[in-house]
């Protein structure tokens, strides 16, 4: 199994766990758990593959991705009540999923020899859209849009690091490792230390 496939499997698994945790907060049934887990797990990668015109879409070509997401949903359905703070688990699992998925999406675009701008955008798309779909469907405030919180900027930074590293001659897999590490470091700093971007504050119009 290639390194890129391993990244895809890892991102599907961890994102599926976050989807199932959100489903537990919404008190859905087992089918709801499976649906939200699959939506979260493959949503970003599906959009990536459609935009890059990859045929078939990764989980259609290898249905094992969906089976992993469903298995994760079943496990969380029967164990979520054992977790004391599901939201804390959610945001930290999501931070790992984001980092892995950004690296996976970036790696796919690099393998297809896309321009640097497209590589970065595919990394951001893969990392962010699955979680956005999850939160919107479950009527949660999307983590992507939390006020001032570092999220999309983490994905952007990670993908950009990978592009720059490969342009400087680093092999793809080490570059993707740097991508995931830099993305997660920023996201973890946001969660631990409250790192934020400046937010717009309304001001009265000038007279």
N, C-alpha and C. Protein backbone atom coordinates (compact mmCIF):
# COMPACT_ATOMS: atom_id res chain seq x y z
N UNK A 1 0.85 -1.20 0.00
CA UNK A 1 0.00 0.00 0.00
C UNK A 1 0.89 1.25 0.00
N UNK A 2 0.56 2.22 -0.85
CA UNK A 2 1.38 3.42 -0.97
C UNK A 2 1.18 4.33 0.23
N UNK A 3 2.13 5.26 0.39
CA UNK A 3 2.02 6.22 1.48
C UNK A 3 0.79 7.10 1.36
N UNK A 4 0.43 7.48 0.13
CA UNK A 4 -0.76 8.31 -0.08
C UNK A 4 -2.02 7.56 0.32
N UNK A 5 -2.10 6.28 -0.02
CA UNK A 5 -3.27 5.48 0.37
C UNK A 5 -3.37 5.37 1.89
N UNK A 6 -2.23 5.21 2.56
CA UNK A 6 -2.25 5.15 4.02
C UNK A 6 -2.75 6.46 4.62
N UNK A 7 -2.33 7.58 4.05
CA UNK A 7 -2.82 8.87 4.52
C UNK A 7 -4.33 8.98 4.35
N UNK A 8 -4.83 8.54 3.20
CA UNK A 8 -6.28 8.58 2.96
C UNK A 8 -7.02 7.70 3.97
N UNK A 9 -6.52 6.49 4.20
CA UNK A 9 -7.17 5.61 5.17
C UNK A 9 -7.16 6.21 6.57
N UNK A 10 -6.04 6.78 6.96
CA UNK A 10 -5.94 7.38 8.29
C UNK A 10 -6.89 8.56 8.44
N UNK A 11 -6.96 9.42 7.42
CA UNK A 11 -7.85 10.58 7.51
C UNK A 11 -9.30 10.15 7.54
N UNK A 12 -9.66 9.12 6.76
CA UNK A 12 -11.04 8.60 6.78
C UNK A 12 -11.39 8.07 8.16
N UNK A 13 -10.49 7.30 8.76
CA UNK A 13 -10.77 6.74 10.08
C UNK A 13 -10.97 7.82 11.13
N UNK A 14 -10.05 8.76 11.22
CA UNK A 14 -10.12 9.75 12.29
C UNK A 14 -11.28 10.72 12.05
N UNK A 15 -11.51 11.13 10.81
CA UNK A 15 -12.65 11.99 10.54
C UNK A 15 -13.97 11.26 10.80
N UNK A 16 -14.03 9.95 10.53
CA UNK A 16 -15.24 9.18 10.83
C UNK A 16 -15.51 9.18 12.34
N UNK A 17 -14.47 9.07 13.13
CA UNK A 17 -14.64 9.12 14.59
C UNK A 17 -15.21 10.46 15.03
N UNK A 18 -14.73 11.55 14.42
CA UNK A 18 -15.27 12.86 14.79
C UNK A 18 -16.72 12.99 14.36
N UNK A 19 -17.05 12.45 13.19
CA UNK A 19 -18.44 12.50 12.74
C UNK A 19 -19.36 11.74 13.67
N UNK A 20 -18.91 10.59 14.11
CA UNK A 20 -19.72 9.79 15.03
C UNK A 20 -19.87 10.49 16.39
N UNK A 21 -18.83 11.19 16.83
CA UNK A 21 -18.94 11.93 18.09
C UNK A 21 -19.97 13.06 17.97
N UNK A 22 -19.97 13.75 16.83
CA UNK A 22 -20.98 14.79 16.61
C UNK A 22 -22.37 14.16 16.57
N UNK A 23 -22.49 12.99 15.95
CA UNK A 23 -23.78 12.29 15.93
C UNK A 23 -24.23 11.92 17.33
N UNK A 24 -23.30 11.58 18.20
CA UNK A 24 -23.66 11.25 19.59
C UNK A 24 -24.17 12.48 20.32
N UNK A 25 -23.59 13.65 20.03
CA UNK A 25 -24.05 14.89 20.64
C UNK A 25 -25.46 15.25 20.14
N UNK A 26 -25.75 14.85 18.90
CA UNK A 26 -27.07 15.11 18.34
C UNK A 26 -28.07 14.00 18.68
N UNK A 27 -27.61 12.95 19.37
CA UNK A 27 -28.44 11.82 19.81
C UNK A 27 -29.15 11.14 18.64
N UNK A 28 -28.37 10.81 17.62
CA UNK A 28 -28.91 10.12 16.45
C UNK A 28 -28.92 8.61 16.67
N UNK A 29 -29.64 7.89 15.78
CA UNK A 29 -29.63 6.43 15.84
C UNK A 29 -28.40 5.89 15.11
N UNK A 30 -28.29 4.55 15.06
CA UNK A 30 -27.09 3.95 14.49
C UNK A 30 -26.92 4.29 13.01
N UNK A 31 -28.03 4.34 12.27
CA UNK A 31 -27.94 4.71 10.86
C UNK A 31 -27.47 6.15 10.72
N UNK A 32 -27.97 7.03 11.60
CA UNK A 32 -27.52 8.42 11.59
C UNK A 32 -26.04 8.52 11.89
N UNK A 33 -25.56 7.72 12.84
CA UNK A 33 -24.13 7.68 13.14
C UNK A 33 -23.33 7.32 11.89
N UNK A 34 -23.76 6.25 11.21
CA UNK A 34 -23.03 5.80 10.03
C UNK A 34 -23.04 6.85 8.93
N UNK A 35 -24.18 7.49 8.74
CA UNK A 35 -24.28 8.50 7.68
C UNK A 35 -23.36 9.68 7.95
N UNK A 36 -23.40 10.21 9.19
CA UNK A 36 -22.57 11.37 9.51
C UNK A 36 -21.10 11.00 9.49
N UNK A 37 -20.76 9.80 9.96
CA UNK A 37 -19.36 9.37 9.93
C UNK A 37 -18.85 9.28 8.50
N UNK A 38 -19.66 8.70 7.60
CA UNK A 38 -19.23 8.58 6.19
C UNK A 38 -19.16 9.94 5.51
N UNK A 39 -20.14 10.79 5.79
CA UNK A 39 -20.14 12.13 5.20
C UNK A 39 -18.87 12.89 5.59
N UNK A 40 -18.53 12.80 6.87
CA UNK A 40 -17.35 13.50 7.37
C UNK A 40 -16.07 12.91 6.79
N UNK A 41 -16.05 11.57 6.74
CA UNK A 41 -14.83 10.87 6.36
C UNK A 41 -14.46 11.06 4.90
N UNK A 42 -15.46 11.06 4.01
CA UNK A 42 -15.15 11.08 2.58
C UNK A 42 -15.57 12.37 1.89
N UNK A 43 -16.21 13.29 2.62
CA UNK A 43 -16.73 14.51 1.99
C UNK A 43 -15.66 15.35 1.33
N UNK A 44 -14.60 15.67 2.06
CA UNK A 44 -13.54 16.51 1.52
C UNK A 44 -12.80 15.84 0.38
N UNK A 45 -12.50 14.55 0.53
CA UNK A 45 -11.80 13.82 -0.51
C UNK A 45 -12.63 13.67 -1.77
N UNK A 46 -13.97 13.55 -1.60
CA UNK A 46 -14.85 13.44 -2.76
C UNK A 46 -14.82 14.73 -3.58
N UNK A 47 -14.94 15.87 -2.90
CA UNK A 47 -14.89 17.15 -3.61
C UNK A 47 -13.54 17.32 -4.29
N UNK A 48 -12.47 16.94 -3.60
CA UNK A 48 -11.12 17.01 -4.19
C UNK A 48 -11.04 16.21 -5.49
N UNK A 49 -11.51 14.96 -5.45
CA UNK A 49 -11.40 14.11 -6.62
C UNK A 49 -12.27 14.62 -7.77
N UNK A 50 -13.45 15.15 -7.45
CA UNK A 50 -14.30 15.70 -8.50
C UNK A 50 -13.65 16.91 -9.16
N UNK A 51 -13.05 17.78 -8.35
CA UNK A 51 -12.39 18.96 -8.90
C UNK A 51 -11.17 18.59 -9.74
N UNK A 52 -10.47 17.54 -9.33
CA UNK A 52 -9.27 17.12 -10.06
C UNK A 52 -9.59 16.14 -11.19
N UNK A 53 -10.89 15.82 -11.34
CA UNK A 53 -11.34 14.91 -12.40
C UNK A 53 -10.68 13.54 -12.27
N UNK A 54 -10.59 13.06 -11.03
CA UNK A 54 -10.05 11.71 -10.80
C UNK A 54 -11.19 10.70 -10.91
N UNK A 55 -11.01 9.67 -11.70
CA UNK A 55 -12.03 8.65 -11.88
C UNK A 55 -11.43 7.28 -11.59
N UNK A 56 -12.11 6.46 -10.78
CA UNK A 56 -13.29 6.85 -9.99
C UNK A 56 -12.88 7.63 -8.75
N UNK A 57 -13.87 8.24 -8.09
CA UNK A 57 -13.61 8.89 -6.80
C UNK A 57 -13.03 7.84 -5.84
N UNK A 58 -12.14 8.27 -4.96
CA UNK A 58 -11.30 7.32 -4.22
C UNK A 58 -12.09 6.24 -3.49
N UNK A 59 -13.22 6.59 -2.88
CA UNK A 59 -13.96 5.57 -2.11
C UNK A 59 -14.85 4.72 -3.00
N UNK A 60 -15.14 5.17 -4.21
CA UNK A 60 -15.88 4.34 -5.17
C UNK A 60 -14.96 3.25 -5.72
N UNK A 61 -13.73 3.63 -5.99
CA UNK A 61 -12.75 2.66 -6.48
C UNK A 61 -12.34 1.66 -5.42
N UNK A 62 -12.35 2.09 -4.14
CA UNK A 62 -11.97 1.22 -3.03
C UNK A 62 -12.99 1.38 -1.90
N UNK A 63 -14.07 0.60 -1.93
CA UNK A 63 -15.14 0.74 -0.94
C UNK A 63 -14.71 0.48 0.50
N UNK A 64 -13.50 -0.03 0.67
CA UNK A 64 -13.01 -0.25 2.03
C UNK A 64 -13.00 1.01 2.87
N UNK A 65 -12.85 2.16 2.22
CA UNK A 65 -12.90 3.43 2.96
C UNK A 65 -14.24 3.60 3.67
N UNK A 66 -15.32 3.30 2.97
CA UNK A 66 -16.66 3.44 3.56
C UNK A 66 -16.84 2.43 4.69
N UNK A 67 -16.33 1.21 4.50
CA UNK A 67 -16.47 0.20 5.54
C UNK A 67 -15.74 0.62 6.82
N UNK A 68 -14.59 1.24 6.66
CA UNK A 68 -13.85 1.74 7.83
C UNK A 68 -14.65 2.81 8.54
N UNK A 69 -15.27 3.72 7.78
CA UNK A 69 -16.06 4.79 8.40
C UNK A 69 -17.26 4.22 9.14
N UNK A 70 -17.93 3.23 8.54
CA UNK A 70 -19.09 2.61 9.20
C UNK A 70 -18.65 1.88 10.47
N UNK A 71 -17.54 1.18 10.41
CA UNK A 71 -17.04 0.47 11.59
C UNK A 71 -16.72 1.45 12.72
N UNK A 72 -16.12 2.59 12.37
CA UNK A 72 -15.82 3.61 13.39
C UNK A 72 -17.11 4.13 14.01
N UNK A 73 -18.15 4.32 13.19
CA UNK A 73 -19.44 4.81 13.70
C UNK A 73 -20.05 3.81 14.68
N UNK A 74 -19.97 2.52 14.36
CA UNK A 74 -20.53 1.50 15.24
C UNK A 74 -19.80 1.48 16.58
N UNK A 75 -18.48 1.58 16.52
CA UNK A 75 -17.69 1.58 17.76
C UNK A 75 -18.08 2.76 18.65
N UNK A 76 -18.17 3.95 18.05
CA UNK A 76 -18.51 5.15 18.84
C UNK A 76 -19.94 5.07 19.36
N UNK A 77 -20.86 4.49 18.57
CA UNK A 77 -22.25 4.37 19.01
C UNK A 77 -22.35 3.62 20.34
N UNK A 78 -21.53 2.58 20.49
CA UNK A 78 -21.61 1.75 21.70
C UNK A 78 -20.65 2.20 22.80
N UNK A 79 -19.79 3.16 22.53
CA UNK A 79 -18.80 3.56 23.55
C UNK A 79 -18.83 5.04 23.89
N UNK A 80 -19.58 5.86 23.15
CA UNK A 80 -19.55 7.31 23.37
C UNK A 80 -19.96 7.68 24.78
N UNK A 81 -20.84 6.90 25.39
CA UNK A 81 -21.31 7.22 26.75
C UNK A 81 -20.20 7.08 27.78
N UNK A 82 -19.11 6.41 27.42
CA UNK A 82 -18.00 6.24 28.35
C UNK A 82 -17.07 7.45 28.37
N UNK A 83 -17.22 8.34 27.38
CA UNK A 83 -16.34 9.50 27.26
C UNK A 83 -16.91 10.65 28.08
N UNK A 84 -16.09 11.19 28.98
CA UNK A 84 -16.58 12.23 29.89
C UNK A 84 -16.84 13.54 29.16
N UNK A 85 -15.92 13.97 28.32
CA UNK A 85 -16.08 15.23 27.60
C UNK A 85 -15.97 14.97 26.11
N UNK A 86 -17.12 14.71 25.46
CA UNK A 86 -17.11 14.36 24.06
C UNK A 86 -16.66 15.54 23.19
N UNK A 87 -16.96 16.76 23.60
CA UNK A 87 -16.55 17.90 22.78
C UNK A 87 -15.04 18.04 22.79
N UNK A 88 -14.40 17.83 23.94
CA UNK A 88 -12.95 17.90 24.01
C UNK A 88 -12.32 16.84 23.11
N UNK A 89 -12.85 15.62 23.17
CA UNK A 89 -12.36 14.56 22.29
C UNK A 89 -12.57 14.95 20.83
N UNK A 90 -13.72 15.56 20.56
CA UNK A 90 -14.06 15.93 19.19
C UNK A 90 -13.04 16.91 18.61
N UNK A 91 -12.74 17.98 19.34
CA UNK A 91 -11.86 19.01 18.77
C UNK A 91 -10.44 18.49 18.61
N UNK A 92 -10.00 17.62 19.52
CA UNK A 92 -8.64 17.11 19.38
C UNK A 92 -8.54 16.05 18.29
N UNK A 93 -9.53 15.17 18.21
CA UNK A 93 -9.53 14.21 17.10
C UNK A 93 -9.62 14.94 15.77
N UNK A 94 -10.43 15.99 15.75
CA UNK A 94 -10.59 16.77 14.52
C UNK A 94 -9.27 17.43 14.12
N UNK A 95 -8.48 17.84 15.10
CA UNK A 95 -7.20 18.47 14.77
C UNK A 95 -6.26 17.46 14.10
N UNK A 96 -6.27 16.21 14.59
CA UNK A 96 -5.45 15.18 13.96
C UNK A 96 -5.99 14.85 12.56
N UNK A 97 -7.32 14.73 12.46
CA UNK A 97 -7.93 14.41 11.17
C UNK A 97 -7.63 15.50 10.15
N UNK A 98 -7.73 16.75 10.58
CA UNK A 98 -7.44 17.87 9.68
C UNK A 98 -6.03 17.76 9.14
N UNK A 99 -5.07 17.52 10.01
CA UNK A 99 -3.66 17.47 9.60
C UNK A 99 -3.40 16.34 8.62
N UNK A 100 -3.97 15.17 8.92
CA UNK A 100 -3.75 14.01 8.04
C UNK A 100 -4.43 14.23 6.69
N UNK A 101 -5.67 14.77 6.73
CA UNK A 101 -6.41 14.96 5.48
C UNK A 101 -5.77 16.02 4.59
N UNK A 102 -5.26 17.08 5.19
CA UNK A 102 -4.56 18.10 4.39
C UNK A 102 -3.35 17.48 3.69
N UNK A 103 -2.60 16.67 4.42
CA UNK A 103 -1.45 16.00 3.81
C UNK A 103 -1.89 15.06 2.69
N UNK A 104 -3.00 14.34 2.92
CA UNK A 104 -3.49 13.41 1.90
C UNK A 104 -3.91 14.16 0.64
N UNK A 105 -4.69 15.23 0.81
CA UNK A 105 -5.14 16.00 -0.35
C UNK A 105 -4.00 16.66 -1.09
N UNK A 106 -3.05 17.18 -0.33
CA UNK A 106 -1.87 17.79 -0.94
C UNK A 106 -1.07 16.76 -1.72
N UNK A 107 -0.93 15.57 -1.14
CA UNK A 107 -0.18 14.51 -1.81
C UNK A 107 -0.82 14.07 -3.12
N UNK A 108 -2.15 13.98 -3.13
CA UNK A 108 -2.84 13.60 -4.37
C UNK A 108 -2.58 14.64 -5.46
N UNK A 109 -2.71 15.91 -5.12
CA UNK A 109 -2.49 16.97 -6.11
C UNK A 109 -1.04 17.00 -6.58
N UNK A 110 -0.10 16.76 -5.67
CA UNK A 110 1.31 16.71 -6.07
C UNK A 110 1.56 15.54 -7.02
N UNK A 111 0.94 14.40 -6.71
CA UNK A 111 1.13 13.22 -7.57
C UNK A 111 0.59 13.46 -8.97
N UNK A 112 -0.43 14.30 -9.09
CA UNK A 112 -1.00 14.63 -10.39
C UNK A 112 -0.28 15.80 -11.06
N UNK A 113 0.79 16.28 -10.41
CA UNK A 113 1.62 17.37 -10.94
C UNK A 113 0.82 18.63 -11.22
N UNK A 114 -0.04 18.98 -10.27
CA UNK A 114 -0.83 20.20 -10.37
C UNK A 114 0.03 21.41 -10.01
N UNK A 115 -0.34 22.60 -10.48
CA UNK A 115 0.38 23.82 -10.08
C UNK A 115 0.29 24.04 -8.57
N UNK A 116 1.24 24.80 -8.05
CA UNK A 116 1.31 25.00 -6.61
C UNK A 116 0.03 25.54 -6.00
N UNK A 117 -0.62 26.48 -6.67
CA UNK A 117 -1.86 27.07 -6.14
C UNK A 117 -2.93 25.99 -6.00
N UNK A 118 -3.06 25.13 -7.00
CA UNK A 118 -4.07 24.07 -6.97
C UNK A 118 -3.73 23.05 -5.88
N UNK A 119 -2.45 22.75 -5.72
CA UNK A 119 -2.03 21.82 -4.66
C UNK A 119 -2.47 22.32 -3.29
N UNK A 120 -2.23 23.60 -3.03
CA UNK A 120 -2.63 24.17 -1.74
C UNK A 120 -4.15 24.13 -1.58
N UNK A 121 -4.87 24.50 -2.62
CA UNK A 121 -6.33 24.51 -2.54
C UNK A 121 -6.89 23.10 -2.34
N UNK A 122 -6.29 22.11 -2.94
CA UNK A 122 -6.77 20.74 -2.75
C UNK A 122 -6.48 20.23 -1.34
N UNK A 123 -5.36 20.66 -0.78
CA UNK A 123 -5.08 20.32 0.61
C UNK A 123 -6.11 20.92 1.55
N UNK A 124 -6.44 22.19 1.33
CA UNK A 124 -7.44 22.86 2.16
C UNK A 124 -8.81 22.22 1.97
N UNK A 125 -9.17 21.93 0.73
CA UNK A 125 -10.47 21.31 0.44
C UNK A 125 -10.62 19.97 1.13
N UNK A 126 -9.62 19.13 1.00
CA UNK A 126 -9.67 17.80 1.60
C UNK A 126 -9.75 17.88 3.12
N UNK A 127 -9.02 18.83 3.70
CA UNK A 127 -8.99 18.92 5.15
C UNK A 127 -10.22 19.54 5.78
N UNK A 128 -10.86 20.47 5.08
CA UNK A 128 -11.88 21.29 5.72
C UNK A 128 -13.32 20.94 5.37
N UNK A 129 -13.58 20.45 4.17
CA UNK A 129 -14.96 20.33 3.73
C UNK A 129 -15.73 19.21 4.42
N UNK A 130 -15.07 18.10 4.74
CA UNK A 130 -15.77 17.01 5.44
C UNK A 130 -16.30 17.46 6.79
N UNK A 131 -15.44 18.14 7.56
CA UNK A 131 -15.87 18.64 8.87
C UNK A 131 -16.94 19.71 8.75
N UNK A 132 -16.84 20.54 7.71
CA UNK A 132 -17.86 21.57 7.49
C UNK A 132 -19.21 20.92 7.20
N UNK A 133 -19.23 19.92 6.34
CA UNK A 133 -20.48 19.20 6.05
C UNK A 133 -21.06 18.58 7.31
N UNK A 134 -20.21 17.94 8.09
CA UNK A 134 -20.63 17.29 9.34
C UNK A 134 -21.34 18.27 10.26
N UNK A 135 -20.71 19.42 10.49
CA UNK A 135 -21.25 20.38 11.45
C UNK A 135 -22.53 21.03 10.94
N UNK A 136 -22.60 21.33 9.64
CA UNK A 136 -23.80 21.94 9.08
C UNK A 136 -24.99 20.98 9.16
N UNK A 137 -24.78 19.72 8.78
CA UNK A 137 -25.87 18.74 8.79
C UNK A 137 -26.36 18.50 10.22
N UNK A 138 -25.45 18.51 11.20
CA UNK A 138 -25.83 18.26 12.59
C UNK A 138 -26.18 19.54 13.35
N UNK A 139 -26.30 20.65 12.62
CA UNK A 139 -26.72 21.92 13.21
C UNK A 139 -25.77 22.39 14.32
N UNK A 140 -24.49 22.15 14.12
CA UNK A 140 -23.46 22.64 15.03
C UNK A 140 -22.78 23.86 14.39
N UNK A 141 -22.24 24.74 15.23
CA UNK A 141 -21.43 25.84 14.67
C UNK A 141 -20.17 25.23 14.08
N UNK A 142 -19.95 25.37 12.76
CA UNK A 142 -18.78 24.72 12.15
C UNK A 142 -17.48 25.17 12.78
N UNK A 143 -16.62 24.20 13.10
CA UNK A 143 -15.30 24.53 13.64
C UNK A 143 -14.53 25.42 12.67
N UNK A 144 -14.79 25.23 11.37
CA UNK A 144 -14.12 26.04 10.35
C UNK A 144 -14.41 27.52 10.54
N UNK A 145 -15.60 27.84 11.07
CA UNK A 145 -16.04 29.23 11.13
C UNK A 145 -16.06 29.80 12.54
N UNK A 146 -15.49 29.08 13.51
CA UNK A 146 -15.45 29.61 14.87
C UNK A 146 -14.67 30.92 14.87
N UNK A 147 -15.18 31.90 15.58
CA UNK A 147 -14.65 33.27 15.52
C UNK A 147 -13.16 33.33 15.87
N UNK A 148 -12.36 33.76 14.90
CA UNK A 148 -10.94 33.98 15.13
C UNK A 148 -10.10 32.73 15.27
N UNK A 149 -10.74 31.56 15.31
CA UNK A 149 -10.00 30.34 15.59
C UNK A 149 -9.20 29.90 14.37
N UNK A 150 -7.99 29.40 14.60
CA UNK A 150 -7.16 28.93 13.49
C UNK A 150 -7.67 27.57 13.02
N UNK A 151 -8.07 27.49 11.79
CA UNK A 151 -8.54 26.22 11.22
C UNK A 151 -8.16 26.15 9.74
N UNK A 152 -8.87 26.92 8.92
CA UNK A 152 -8.53 26.94 7.50
C UNK A 152 -7.11 27.43 7.31
N UNK A 153 -6.70 28.39 8.13
CA UNK A 153 -5.33 28.91 8.03
C UNK A 153 -4.30 27.83 8.35
N UNK A 154 -4.65 26.89 9.24
CA UNK A 154 -3.75 25.76 9.54
C UNK A 154 -3.60 24.87 8.31
N UNK A 155 -4.74 24.58 7.67
CA UNK A 155 -4.71 23.75 6.47
C UNK A 155 -3.91 24.43 5.36
N UNK A 156 -4.14 25.72 5.19
CA UNK A 156 -3.42 26.48 4.17
C UNK A 156 -1.91 26.44 4.43
N UNK A 157 -1.52 26.67 5.68
CA UNK A 157 -0.09 26.68 6.03
C UNK A 157 0.55 25.33 5.78
N UNK A 158 -0.14 24.26 6.21
CA UNK A 158 0.41 22.92 6.01
C UNK A 158 0.62 22.59 4.55
N UNK A 159 -0.38 22.88 3.72
CA UNK A 159 -0.26 22.60 2.29
C UNK A 159 0.84 23.44 1.65
N UNK A 160 0.93 24.70 2.08
CA UNK A 160 1.97 25.58 1.53
C UNK A 160 3.36 25.09 1.90
N UNK A 161 3.52 24.62 3.13
CA UNK A 161 4.81 24.07 3.56
C UNK A 161 5.21 22.90 2.67
N UNK A 162 4.25 22.03 2.35
CA UNK A 162 4.56 20.89 1.49
C UNK A 162 5.00 21.33 0.10
N UNK A 163 4.29 22.31 -0.46
CA UNK A 163 4.63 22.81 -1.79
C UNK A 163 6.04 23.39 -1.80
N UNK A 164 6.33 24.24 -0.82
CA UNK A 164 7.64 24.86 -0.77
C UNK A 164 8.74 23.80 -0.57
N UNK A 165 8.47 22.83 0.31
CA UNK A 165 9.47 21.80 0.57
C UNK A 165 9.78 20.99 -0.68
N UNK A 166 8.75 20.62 -1.44
CA UNK A 166 9.00 19.86 -2.67
C UNK A 166 9.72 20.69 -3.71
N UNK A 167 9.40 21.98 -3.76
CA UNK A 167 10.09 22.85 -4.72
C UNK A 167 11.56 23.00 -4.37
N UNK A 168 11.89 22.84 -3.07
CA UNK A 168 13.28 22.93 -2.63
C UNK A 168 14.01 21.60 -2.76
N UNK A 169 13.32 20.58 -3.26
CA UNK A 169 13.98 19.32 -3.54
C UNK A 169 13.71 18.20 -2.56
N UNK A 170 12.87 18.43 -1.55
CA UNK A 170 12.56 17.38 -0.58
C UNK A 170 11.64 16.34 -1.22
N UNK A 171 11.84 15.08 -0.86
CA UNK A 171 10.97 14.02 -1.37
C UNK A 171 9.53 14.24 -0.90
N UNK A 172 8.58 13.65 -1.62
CA UNK A 172 7.17 13.92 -1.36
C UNK A 172 6.72 13.50 0.04
N UNK A 173 7.06 12.27 0.45
CA UNK A 173 6.57 11.80 1.75
C UNK A 173 7.10 12.62 2.93
N UNK A 174 8.41 12.94 2.98
CA UNK A 174 8.87 13.83 4.05
C UNK A 174 8.20 15.20 3.99
N UNK A 175 7.95 15.70 2.78
CA UNK A 175 7.27 16.99 2.65
C UNK A 175 5.85 16.92 3.20
N UNK A 176 5.18 15.80 2.97
CA UNK A 176 3.82 15.63 3.50
C UNK A 176 3.85 15.48 5.03
N UNK A 177 4.93 14.88 5.54
CA UNK A 177 5.08 14.81 6.99
C UNK A 177 5.21 16.20 7.60
N UNK A 178 6.00 17.06 6.96
CA UNK A 178 6.11 18.45 7.41
C UNK A 178 4.77 19.17 7.29
N UNK A 179 4.03 18.86 6.24
CA UNK A 179 2.71 19.45 6.04
C UNK A 179 1.80 19.13 7.23
N UNK A 180 1.70 17.84 7.56
CA UNK A 180 0.83 17.43 8.66
C UNK A 180 1.29 18.02 9.99
N UNK A 181 2.60 18.02 10.22
CA UNK A 181 3.14 18.52 11.48
C UNK A 181 2.88 20.01 11.66
N UNK A 182 3.12 20.79 10.62
CA UNK A 182 2.92 22.23 10.73
C UNK A 182 1.44 22.57 10.89
N UNK A 183 0.59 21.86 10.17
CA UNK A 183 -0.84 22.08 10.30
C UNK A 183 -1.31 21.77 11.72
N UNK A 184 -0.89 20.62 12.25
CA UNK A 184 -1.34 20.23 13.59
C UNK A 184 -0.76 21.15 14.66
N UNK A 185 0.49 21.58 14.49
CA UNK A 185 1.10 22.46 15.49
C UNK A 185 0.32 23.77 15.62
N UNK A 186 -0.09 24.33 14.50
CA UNK A 186 -0.88 25.57 14.55
C UNK A 186 -2.25 25.32 15.18
N UNK A 187 -2.88 24.22 14.80
CA UNK A 187 -4.21 23.91 15.35
C UNK A 187 -4.13 23.63 16.85
N UNK A 188 -3.12 22.88 17.26
CA UNK A 188 -2.95 22.59 18.68
C UNK A 188 -2.65 23.86 19.46
N UNK A 189 -1.85 24.76 18.88
CA UNK A 189 -1.57 26.03 19.54
C UNK A 189 -2.83 26.86 19.72
N UNK A 190 -3.72 26.79 18.73
CA UNK A 190 -4.99 27.49 18.83
C UNK A 190 -5.83 26.94 19.98
N UNK A 191 -5.82 25.62 20.12
CA UNK A 191 -6.63 25.00 21.17
C UNK A 191 -6.03 25.18 22.56
N UNK A 192 -4.70 25.10 22.64
CA UNK A 192 -4.04 25.16 23.94
C UNK A 192 -3.81 26.59 24.43
N UNK A 193 -3.42 27.46 23.53
CA UNK A 193 -2.99 28.79 23.92
C UNK A 193 -3.89 29.91 23.41
N UNK A 194 -4.96 29.54 22.72
CA UNK A 194 -5.90 30.54 22.26
C UNK A 194 -5.38 31.40 21.11
N UNK A 195 -4.44 30.87 20.32
CA UNK A 195 -3.97 31.63 19.16
C UNK A 195 -5.14 31.92 18.24
N UNK A 196 -5.23 33.16 17.79
CA UNK A 196 -6.35 33.56 16.95
C UNK A 196 -5.89 34.53 15.87
N UNK A 197 -6.67 34.59 14.81
CA UNK A 197 -6.50 35.63 13.81
C UNK A 197 -7.33 36.84 14.21
N UNK A 198 -6.95 38.03 13.78
CA UNK A 198 -7.79 39.21 14.07
C UNK A 198 -9.17 39.02 13.43
N UNK A 199 -10.20 39.46 14.14
CA UNK A 199 -11.56 39.37 13.62
C UNK A 199 -12.10 40.76 13.32
N UNK A 200 -12.98 40.82 12.37
CA UNK A 200 -13.59 42.11 12.01
C UNK A 200 -14.53 42.57 13.11
N UNK A 201 -14.41 43.84 13.49
CA UNK A 201 -15.32 44.43 14.47
C UNK A 201 -16.00 45.63 13.84
N UNK A 202 -17.31 45.64 13.93
CA UNK A 202 -18.07 46.70 13.31
C UNK A 202 -17.76 48.04 13.97
N UNK A 203 -17.66 49.06 13.16
CA UNK A 203 -17.43 50.43 13.66
C UNK A 203 -18.50 51.33 13.09
N UNK A 204 -18.85 52.38 13.83
CA UNK A 204 -19.83 53.33 13.28
C UNK A 204 -19.28 54.02 12.04
N UNK A 205 -20.12 54.30 11.06
CA UNK A 205 -19.63 54.95 9.84
C UNK A 205 -19.05 56.32 10.14
N UNK A 206 -18.04 56.69 9.36
CA UNK A 206 -17.44 58.00 9.53
C UNK A 206 -18.43 59.10 9.10
N UNK A 207 -18.43 60.15 9.87
CA UNK A 207 -19.32 61.28 9.53
C UNK A 207 -18.64 62.19 8.49
